[in-house]
Amino acid sequence: MKLGFGLYRHMLNAEHYKFAKQCGATHLGKSEGWGQAGNSGNIWSLEELVNIKKEINFYGLELEAVENFDPAMWFDILLDGPRKLEQIENLKQLIRNVGKAGI
């Protein structure tokens, strides 16, 4: 079993990494909603994910997952809206970036 914490973007800092480690956590999850909420065209780049992962690893933790996508990223997918195909492609790219980053 892995003990992990989910952190929001404003919590991506040494204080919260140290707290998670002190509590016995080994893994962190990040919420996609940490990004710029409401901006469905702004997905986490490979470089951003790699940098966050390195920072978290420095504190002896692993970045295990990306969760809680911003609803603006998939709204038209759910409702068959005009940006549905664009949003599907963006989510596919995000999944590729997460995989390439080793998350």
Protein backbone atom coordinates (compact mmCIF):
# COMPACT_ATOMS: atom_id res chain seq x y z
CA MET A 1 0.00 0.00 0.00
CA LYS A 2 1.17 3.53 -0.80
CA LEU A 3 0.34 6.48 1.39
CA GLY A 4 -0.06 9.60 -0.69
CA PHE A 5 -1.29 13.15 -0.61
CA GLY A 6 -3.09 15.10 -3.30
CA LEU A 7 -1.79 18.66 -3.57
CA TYR A 8 -3.20 21.67 -5.39
CA ARG A 9 -0.97 23.95 -7.44
CA HIS A 10 -0.54 26.52 -4.65
CA MET A 11 0.70 23.68 -2.42
CA LEU A 12 3.59 22.67 -4.70
CA ASN A 13 6.35 23.85 -2.41
CA ALA A 14 8.91 22.63 0.12
CA GLU A 15 6.61 23.24 3.10
CA HIS A 16 3.95 20.85 1.80
CA TYR A 17 6.44 18.27 0.50
CA LYS A 18 8.11 18.16 3.93
CA PHE A 19 4.73 17.87 5.66
CA ALA A 20 3.70 14.97 3.42
CA LYS A 21 7.02 13.21 4.04
CA GLN A 22 6.76 13.82 7.81
CA CYS A 23 3.30 12.18 7.79
CA GLY A 24 4.79 9.09 6.20
CA ALA A 25 3.66 9.69 2.63
CA THR A 26 5.71 8.20 -0.18
CA HIS A 27 3.67 9.49 -3.11
CA LEU A 28 1.89 12.64 -4.26
CA GLY A 29 -0.93 13.15 -6.72
CA LYS A 30 -1.54 16.41 -8.48
CA SER A 31 -4.77 17.87 -9.60
CA GLU A 32 -4.95 19.10 -13.19
CA GLY A 33 -7.24 21.75 -11.82
CA TRP A 34 -4.13 23.34 -10.32
CA GLY A 35 -3.43 24.89 -13.66
CA GLN A 36 -5.29 27.87 -15.00
CA ALA A 37 -8.87 26.89 -14.34
CA GLY A 38 -11.24 27.64 -17.17
CA ASN A 39 -8.49 27.57 -19.79
CA SER A 40 -9.08 24.28 -21.57
CA GLY A 41 -6.36 24.96 -24.13
CA ASN A 42 -3.59 25.16 -21.53
CA ILE A 43 -2.48 21.62 -20.70
CA TRP A 44 0.57 20.70 -18.65
CA SER A 45 3.59 20.51 -20.95
CA LEU A 46 6.12 17.69 -20.75
CA GLU A 47 8.71 20.16 -19.46
CA GLU A 48 6.41 21.41 -16.67
CA LEU A 49 5.58 17.86 -15.59
CA VAL A 50 9.25 16.78 -15.59
CA ASN A 51 10.23 19.82 -13.52
CA ILE A 52 7.47 19.22 -10.96
CA LYS A 53 8.42 15.54 -10.76
CA LYS A 54 12.12 16.38 -10.17
CA GLU A 55 11.20 18.85 -7.43
CA ILE A 56 8.99 16.31 -5.69
CA ASN A 57 11.65 13.58 -6.05
CA PHE A 58 14.19 15.88 -4.38
CA TYR A 59 12.09 15.61 -1.21
CA GLY A 60 12.02 11.81 -1.35
CA LEU A 61 8.52 11.55 -2.79
CA GLU A 62 7.11 10.20 -6.04
CA LEU A 63 4.59 11.94 -8.27
CA GLU A 64 2.16 9.10 -8.80
CA ALA A 65 -0.85 10.54 -10.59
CA VAL A 66 -2.61 13.44 -12.25
CA GLU A 67 -6.23 13.74 -11.23
CA ASN A 68 -9.26 16.03 -11.22
CA PHE A 69 -9.06 17.61 -14.65
CA ASP A 70 -10.44 21.12 -14.96
CA PRO A 71 -14.05 20.79 -16.23
CA ALA A 72 -13.23 23.31 -18.96
CA MET A 73 -10.98 20.59 -20.44
CA TRP A 74 -13.80 18.11 -21.03
CA PHE A 75 -17.06 20.06 -20.91
CA ASP A 76 -17.77 19.70 -24.64
CA ILE A 77 -16.77 16.03 -24.58
CA LEU A 78 -19.56 15.35 -22.08
CA LEU A 79 -22.13 17.48 -23.86
CA ASP A 80 -21.10 16.77 -27.47
CA GLY A 81 -20.28 20.45 -27.86
CA PRO A 82 -18.43 22.21 -30.68
CA ARG A 83 -14.97 21.82 -29.10
CA LYS A 84 -15.38 18.09 -28.39
CA LEU A 85 -12.71 16.87 -30.84
CA GLU A 86 -10.24 19.57 -29.77
CA GLN A 87 -10.74 18.67 -26.12
CA ILE A 88 -10.26 14.96 -26.83
CA GLU A 89 -6.97 15.75 -28.59
CA ASN A 90 -5.83 17.94 -25.68
CA LEU A 91 -6.56 15.20 -23.15
CA LYS A 92 -4.77 12.65 -25.33
CA GLN A 93 -1.73 14.95 -25.45
CA LEU A 94 -1.84 15.41 -21.69
CA ILE A 95 -1.89 11.63 -21.23
CA ARG A 96 1.12 11.34 -23.57
CA ASN A 97 2.98 14.04 -21.61
CA VAL A 98 2.24 12.33 -18.29
CA GLY A 99 3.51 9.03 -19.68
CA LYS A 100 6.68 10.56 -21.13
CA ALA A 101 7.35 12.25 -17.78
CA GLY A 102 7.19 8.85 -16.07
CA ILE A 103 4.16 9.67 -13.93
